């Protein structure tokens, strides 16, 4: 059974940084290498939206709102996907979800990020 566990969320002041990590278990080495990995977020009253994705080949895409501030990375050997978030803004406040897309679509349980002074 594929499981995704996120960590690293919390409360941070505007302009601060956080690093989110997601560890994937129950997936083979071959499958994780073939997977597209991503981070999404959902704020209260809003739909879940893409934050960043990284393909099996290492190509990345970002939401316009986070370009230049967030960086997604992956480690196939550790089966992790990370999101470095810098210069955080109050509008980044949301629950952040890790996602794995390969034969199916898998989601983590989410981690809360709150940006507030």
N, C-alpha and C. Protein backbone atom coordinates (compact mmCIF):
# COMPACT_ATOMS: atom_id res chain seq x y z
N UNK A 1 0.85 -1.19 0.00
CA UNK A 1 0.00 0.00 0.00
C UNK A 1 0.88 1.24 0.00
N UNK A 2 0.64 2.12 -0.95
CA UNK A 2 1.43 3.34 -1.07
C UNK A 2 0.98 4.33 0.01
N UNK A 3 1.94 4.88 0.73
CA UNK A 3 1.64 5.88 1.75
C UNK A 3 2.57 7.07 1.57
N UNK A 4 2.03 8.26 1.76
CA UNK A 4 2.79 9.49 1.68
C UNK A 4 2.65 10.21 3.02
N UNK A 5 3.76 10.58 3.61
CA UNK A 5 3.75 11.26 4.90
C UNK A 5 4.50 12.58 4.77
N UNK A 6 3.76 13.68 4.98
CA UNK A 6 4.35 15.02 4.90
C UNK A 6 4.82 15.47 6.28
N UNK A 7 5.82 16.34 6.28
CA UNK A 7 6.30 16.96 7.51
C UNK A 7 6.89 18.32 7.18
N UNK A 8 7.08 19.14 8.22
CA UNK A 8 7.76 20.42 8.03
C UNK A 8 6.87 21.63 8.06
N UNK A 9 5.56 21.43 8.16
CA UNK A 9 4.67 22.59 8.23
C UNK A 9 4.78 23.28 9.58
N UNK A 10 4.10 24.42 9.68
CA UNK A 10 4.11 25.15 10.94
C UNK A 10 3.72 26.60 10.75
N UNK A 11 4.00 27.37 11.79
CA UNK A 11 3.70 28.81 11.80
C UNK A 11 4.99 29.58 11.55
N UNK A 12 4.94 30.51 10.62
CA UNK A 12 6.13 31.31 10.30
C UNK A 12 5.69 32.73 10.01
N UNK A 13 6.57 33.68 10.28
CA UNK A 13 6.27 35.09 10.00
C UNK A 13 6.45 35.39 8.53
N UNK A 14 5.77 36.40 8.04
CA UNK A 14 5.99 36.81 6.63
C UNK A 14 7.47 37.08 6.37
N UNK A 15 7.93 36.61 5.21
CA UNK A 15 9.34 36.72 4.87
C UNK A 15 10.18 35.55 5.32
N UNK A 16 9.61 34.68 6.13
CA UNK A 16 10.34 33.53 6.63
C UNK A 16 10.37 32.37 5.65
N UNK A 17 10.97 31.27 6.10
CA UNK A 17 11.13 30.09 5.25
C UNK A 17 10.66 28.83 5.98
N UNK A 18 10.23 27.87 5.19
CA UNK A 18 9.91 26.53 5.67
C UNK A 18 10.34 25.54 4.61
N UNK A 19 10.64 24.32 5.06
CA UNK A 19 10.96 23.24 4.14
C UNK A 19 10.02 22.08 4.42
N UNK A 20 9.22 21.74 3.42
CA UNK A 20 8.31 20.60 3.53
C UNK A 20 8.98 19.37 2.95
N UNK A 21 8.75 18.24 3.60
CA UNK A 21 9.26 16.97 3.11
C UNK A 21 8.12 15.97 3.02
N UNK A 22 8.23 15.09 2.06
CA UNK A 22 7.24 14.02 1.89
C UNK A 22 7.99 12.73 1.63
N UNK A 23 7.74 11.74 2.46
CA UNK A 23 8.36 10.43 2.30
C UNK A 23 7.32 9.45 1.78
N UNK A 24 7.70 8.74 0.73
CA UNK A 24 6.80 7.79 0.07
C UNK A 24 7.22 6.37 0.44
N UNK A 25 6.28 5.57 0.88
CA UNK A 25 6.56 4.17 1.18
C UNK A 25 5.58 3.28 0.43
N UNK A 26 5.93 1.98 0.36
CA UNK A 26 5.06 1.04 -0.32
C UNK A 26 5.15 1.12 -1.83
N UNK A 27 6.27 1.67 -2.34
CA UNK A 27 6.45 1.83 -3.77
C UNK A 27 7.85 1.36 -4.12
N UNK A 28 7.97 0.69 -5.28
CA UNK A 28 9.27 0.13 -5.63
C UNK A 28 10.22 1.22 -6.14
N UNK A 29 11.50 0.88 -6.18
CA UNK A 29 12.50 1.82 -6.69
C UNK A 29 12.23 2.18 -8.14
N UNK A 30 11.83 1.20 -8.92
CA UNK A 30 11.55 1.45 -10.35
C UNK A 30 10.36 2.38 -10.50
N UNK A 31 9.33 2.15 -9.71
CA UNK A 31 8.11 2.95 -9.83
C UNK A 31 8.34 4.38 -9.39
N UNK A 32 9.08 4.60 -8.31
CA UNK A 32 9.30 5.98 -7.85
C UNK A 32 10.10 6.75 -8.90
N UNK A 33 11.02 6.08 -9.57
CA UNK A 33 11.80 6.77 -10.61
C UNK A 33 10.93 7.19 -11.77
N UNK A 34 9.85 6.45 -12.02
CA UNK A 34 8.96 6.75 -13.15
C UNK A 34 7.84 7.70 -12.77
N UNK A 35 7.80 8.10 -11.52
CA UNK A 35 6.68 8.90 -11.02
C UNK A 35 6.89 10.39 -11.20
N UNK A 36 5.78 11.08 -11.39
CA UNK A 36 5.76 12.54 -11.30
C UNK A 36 5.37 12.88 -9.86
N UNK A 37 6.11 13.77 -9.24
CA UNK A 37 5.88 14.12 -7.83
C UNK A 37 5.49 15.59 -7.72
N UNK A 38 4.62 15.90 -6.78
CA UNK A 38 4.20 17.29 -6.70
C UNK A 38 3.71 17.71 -5.33
N UNK A 39 3.53 19.00 -5.19
CA UNK A 39 2.93 19.62 -4.02
C UNK A 39 1.74 20.46 -4.46
N UNK A 40 0.67 20.30 -3.73
CA UNK A 40 -0.54 21.09 -3.94
C UNK A 40 -0.90 21.76 -2.62
N UNK A 41 -1.79 22.72 -2.68
CA UNK A 41 -2.25 23.36 -1.45
C UNK A 41 -3.73 23.72 -1.56
N UNK A 42 -4.33 23.80 -0.38
CA UNK A 42 -5.74 24.17 -0.33
C UNK A 42 -5.96 25.08 0.86
N UNK A 43 -6.41 26.30 0.56
CA UNK A 43 -6.75 27.26 1.60
C UNK A 43 -8.25 27.16 1.89
N UNK A 44 -8.68 27.57 3.06
CA UNK A 44 -10.11 27.49 3.40
C UNK A 44 -10.97 28.20 2.36
N UNK A 45 -12.00 27.50 1.90
CA UNK A 45 -12.92 28.07 0.93
C UNK A 45 -12.44 28.03 -0.50
N UNK A 46 -11.22 27.53 -0.71
CA UNK A 46 -10.65 27.47 -2.06
C UNK A 46 -10.49 26.02 -2.53
N UNK A 47 -10.34 25.87 -3.84
CA UNK A 47 -10.06 24.55 -4.38
C UNK A 47 -8.58 24.23 -4.21
N UNK A 48 -8.29 22.94 -4.23
CA UNK A 48 -6.90 22.51 -4.18
C UNK A 48 -6.20 22.97 -5.46
N UNK A 49 -5.00 23.52 -5.32
CA UNK A 49 -4.29 24.04 -6.48
C UNK A 49 -2.86 23.52 -6.53
N UNK A 50 -2.34 23.45 -7.72
CA UNK A 50 -0.95 23.03 -7.91
C UNK A 50 0.00 24.10 -7.38
N UNK A 51 1.01 23.67 -6.65
CA UNK A 51 2.09 24.57 -6.22
C UNK A 51 3.31 24.32 -7.09
N UNK A 52 3.72 23.04 -7.17
CA UNK A 52 4.91 22.70 -7.96
C UNK A 52 4.89 21.20 -8.27
N UNK A 53 5.48 20.84 -9.41
CA UNK A 53 5.62 19.43 -9.78
C UNK A 53 7.02 19.22 -10.34
N UNK A 54 7.50 18.00 -10.18
CA UNK A 54 8.78 17.61 -10.77
C UNK A 54 8.58 16.26 -11.44
N UNK A 55 8.97 16.19 -12.71
CA UNK A 55 8.76 14.99 -13.50
C UNK A 55 9.81 13.93 -13.17
N UNK A 56 9.62 12.77 -13.77
CA UNK A 56 10.60 11.71 -13.57
C UNK A 56 11.95 12.10 -14.14
N UNK A 57 11.94 12.99 -15.12
CA UNK A 57 13.18 13.46 -15.72
C UNK A 57 13.78 14.68 -15.05
N UNK A 58 13.09 15.18 -14.03
CA UNK A 58 13.61 16.33 -13.29
C UNK A 58 13.09 17.68 -13.76
N UNK A 59 12.22 17.68 -14.76
CA UNK A 59 11.63 18.95 -15.20
C UNK A 59 10.65 19.45 -14.14
N UNK A 60 10.64 20.76 -13.93
CA UNK A 60 9.80 21.34 -12.89
C UNK A 60 8.82 22.36 -13.46
N UNK A 61 7.68 22.48 -12.83
CA UNK A 61 6.73 23.54 -13.12
C UNK A 61 6.26 24.12 -11.78
N UNK A 62 5.96 25.41 -11.80
CA UNK A 62 5.54 26.12 -10.59
C UNK A 62 4.32 26.97 -10.89
N UNK A 63 3.49 27.14 -9.88
CA UNK A 63 2.43 28.13 -9.97
C UNK A 63 3.07 29.51 -10.07
N UNK A 64 2.45 30.39 -10.83
CA UNK A 64 3.01 31.73 -11.00
C UNK A 64 3.22 32.43 -9.66
N UNK A 65 2.33 32.17 -8.71
CA UNK A 65 2.38 32.86 -7.43
C UNK A 65 3.59 32.48 -6.57
N UNK A 66 4.24 31.36 -6.90
CA UNK A 66 5.37 30.92 -6.08
C UNK A 66 6.70 30.93 -6.83
N UNK A 67 6.67 31.23 -8.11
CA UNK A 67 7.91 31.24 -8.90
C UNK A 67 8.94 32.19 -8.29
N UNK A 68 10.16 31.71 -8.19
CA UNK A 68 11.22 32.51 -7.62
C UNK A 68 11.31 32.46 -6.11
N UNK A 69 10.32 31.86 -5.47
CA UNK A 69 10.32 31.75 -4.00
C UNK A 69 10.38 30.30 -3.53
N UNK A 70 9.74 29.40 -4.28
CA UNK A 70 9.67 28.00 -3.88
C UNK A 70 10.54 27.15 -4.82
N UNK A 71 11.11 26.08 -4.27
CA UNK A 71 11.90 25.15 -5.06
C UNK A 71 11.52 23.72 -4.70
N UNK A 72 11.16 22.95 -5.72
CA UNK A 72 10.83 21.54 -5.50
C UNK A 72 12.03 20.69 -5.87
N UNK A 73 12.25 19.62 -5.11
CA UNK A 73 13.34 18.70 -5.40
C UNK A 73 12.91 17.29 -5.03
N UNK A 74 13.65 16.30 -5.55
CA UNK A 74 13.30 14.91 -5.27
C UNK A 74 14.56 14.09 -5.06
N UNK A 75 14.39 13.01 -4.30
CA UNK A 75 15.43 12.00 -4.17
C UNK A 75 14.79 10.65 -4.39
N UNK A 76 15.15 10.02 -5.50
CA UNK A 76 14.58 8.70 -5.79
C UNK A 76 15.13 7.65 -4.83
N UNK A 77 16.38 7.79 -4.42
CA UNK A 77 16.96 6.80 -3.51
C UNK A 77 16.31 6.86 -2.14
N UNK A 78 15.97 8.08 -1.70
CA UNK A 78 15.32 8.22 -0.40
C UNK A 78 13.80 8.18 -0.51
N UNK A 79 13.29 8.23 -1.74
CA UNK A 79 11.84 8.24 -2.00
C UNK A 79 11.19 9.43 -1.30
N UNK A 80 11.78 10.59 -1.54
CA UNK A 80 11.26 11.81 -0.94
C UNK A 80 11.06 12.89 -2.00
N UNK A 81 10.17 13.81 -1.70
CA UNK A 81 10.01 15.03 -2.48
C UNK A 81 9.91 16.18 -1.49
N UNK A 82 10.68 17.21 -1.75
CA UNK A 82 10.78 18.34 -0.83
C UNK A 82 10.32 19.63 -1.49
N UNK A 83 9.90 20.56 -0.65
CA UNK A 83 9.50 21.88 -1.14
C UNK A 83 10.13 22.92 -0.23
N UNK A 84 11.11 23.63 -0.75
CA UNK A 84 11.74 24.72 -0.02
C UNK A 84 10.96 25.99 -0.30
N UNK A 85 10.46 26.60 0.74
CA UNK A 85 9.60 27.78 0.60
C UNK A 85 10.29 28.97 1.27
N UNK A 86 10.63 29.96 0.49
CA UNK A 86 11.29 31.16 0.99
C UNK A 86 10.40 32.38 0.79
N UNK A 87 10.70 33.44 1.53
CA UNK A 87 9.95 34.69 1.41
C UNK A 87 8.44 34.42 1.47
N UNK A 88 8.04 33.70 2.48
CA UNK A 88 6.63 33.31 2.59
C UNK A 88 5.74 34.53 2.83
N UNK A 89 4.54 34.44 2.28
CA UNK A 89 3.55 35.51 2.37
C UNK A 89 2.29 34.98 3.05
N UNK A 90 1.50 35.86 3.63
CA UNK A 90 0.25 35.39 4.26
C UNK A 90 -0.64 34.60 3.32
N UNK A 91 -0.61 34.94 2.04
CA UNK A 91 -1.45 34.22 1.07
C UNK A 91 -0.95 32.81 0.77
N UNK A 92 0.21 32.45 1.31
CA UNK A 92 0.70 31.08 1.18
C UNK A 92 0.09 30.17 2.24
N UNK A 93 -0.65 30.74 3.16
CA UNK A 93 -1.28 29.95 4.21
C UNK A 93 -2.27 28.95 3.61
N UNK A 94 -2.09 27.67 3.95
CA UNK A 94 -2.92 26.61 3.39
C UNK A 94 -2.48 25.27 3.98
N UNK A 95 -3.25 24.25 3.68
CA UNK A 95 -2.80 22.88 3.92
C UNK A 95 -2.09 22.42 2.65
N UNK A 96 -0.88 21.92 2.82
CA UNK A 96 -0.06 21.49 1.69
C UNK A 96 -0.08 19.96 1.60
N UNK A 97 -0.32 19.48 0.38
CA UNK A 97 -0.44 18.05 0.15
C UNK A 97 0.63 17.57 -0.83
N UNK A 98 1.22 16.44 -0.49
CA UNK A 98 2.16 15.77 -1.38
C UNK A 98 1.37 14.88 -2.33
N UNK A 99 1.86 14.73 -3.56
CA UNK A 99 1.17 13.94 -4.58
C UNK A 99 2.16 13.12 -5.38
N UNK A 100 1.77 11.88 -5.65
CA UNK A 100 2.54 10.99 -6.52
C UNK A 100 1.62 10.54 -7.65
N UNK A 101 2.07 10.73 -8.88
CA UNK A 101 1.32 10.27 -10.04
C UNK A 101 2.16 9.27 -10.81
N UNK A 102 1.66 8.05 -10.90
CA UNK A 102 2.29 7.04 -11.75
C UNK A 102 1.17 6.21 -12.34
N UNK A 103 0.92 5.03 -11.90
CA UNK A 103 -0.21 4.26 -12.40
C UNK A 103 -1.51 4.76 -11.80
N UNK A 104 -1.41 5.31 -10.62
CA UNK A 104 -2.55 5.90 -9.91
C UNK A 104 -2.13 7.26 -9.36
N UNK A 105 -3.08 7.89 -8.71
CA UNK A 105 -2.86 9.20 -8.12
C UNK A 105 -2.91 9.03 -6.59
N UNK A 106 -1.79 9.35 -5.92
CA UNK A 106 -1.72 9.15 -4.48
C UNK A 106 -1.53 10.49 -3.77
N UNK A 107 -2.14 10.60 -2.58
CA UNK A 107 -2.09 11.85 -1.81
C UNK A 107 -1.65 11.58 -0.37
N UNK A 108 -0.95 12.55 0.20
CA UNK A 108 -0.66 12.52 1.61
C UNK A 108 -1.83 13.11 2.40
N UNK A 109 -1.66 13.14 3.71
CA UNK A 109 -2.74 13.61 4.58
C UNK A 109 -2.73 15.13 4.73
N UNK A 110 -1.65 15.77 4.32
CA UNK A 110 -1.57 17.23 4.37
C UNK A 110 -0.83 17.74 5.60
N UNK A 111 -0.19 18.89 5.43
CA UNK A 111 0.48 19.55 6.55
C UNK A 111 0.14 21.04 6.50
N UNK A 112 -0.17 21.61 7.64
CA UNK A 112 -0.62 23.00 7.71
C UNK A 112 0.56 23.95 7.67
N UNK A 113 0.46 24.94 6.81
CA UNK A 113 1.43 26.05 6.77
C UNK A 113 0.66 27.34 7.04
N UNK A 114 1.08 28.06 8.06
CA UNK A 114 0.43 29.32 8.42
C UNK A 114 1.48 30.42 8.42
N UNK A 115 1.23 31.46 7.63
CA UNK A 115 2.14 32.60 7.54
C UNK A 115 1.43 33.80 8.16
N UNK A 116 1.93 34.22 9.29
CA UNK A 116 1.25 35.29 10.02
C UNK A 116 2.23 35.95 10.98
N UNK A 117 2.01 37.24 11.19
CA UNK A 117 2.82 37.97 12.17
C UNK A 117 2.11 38.01 13.52
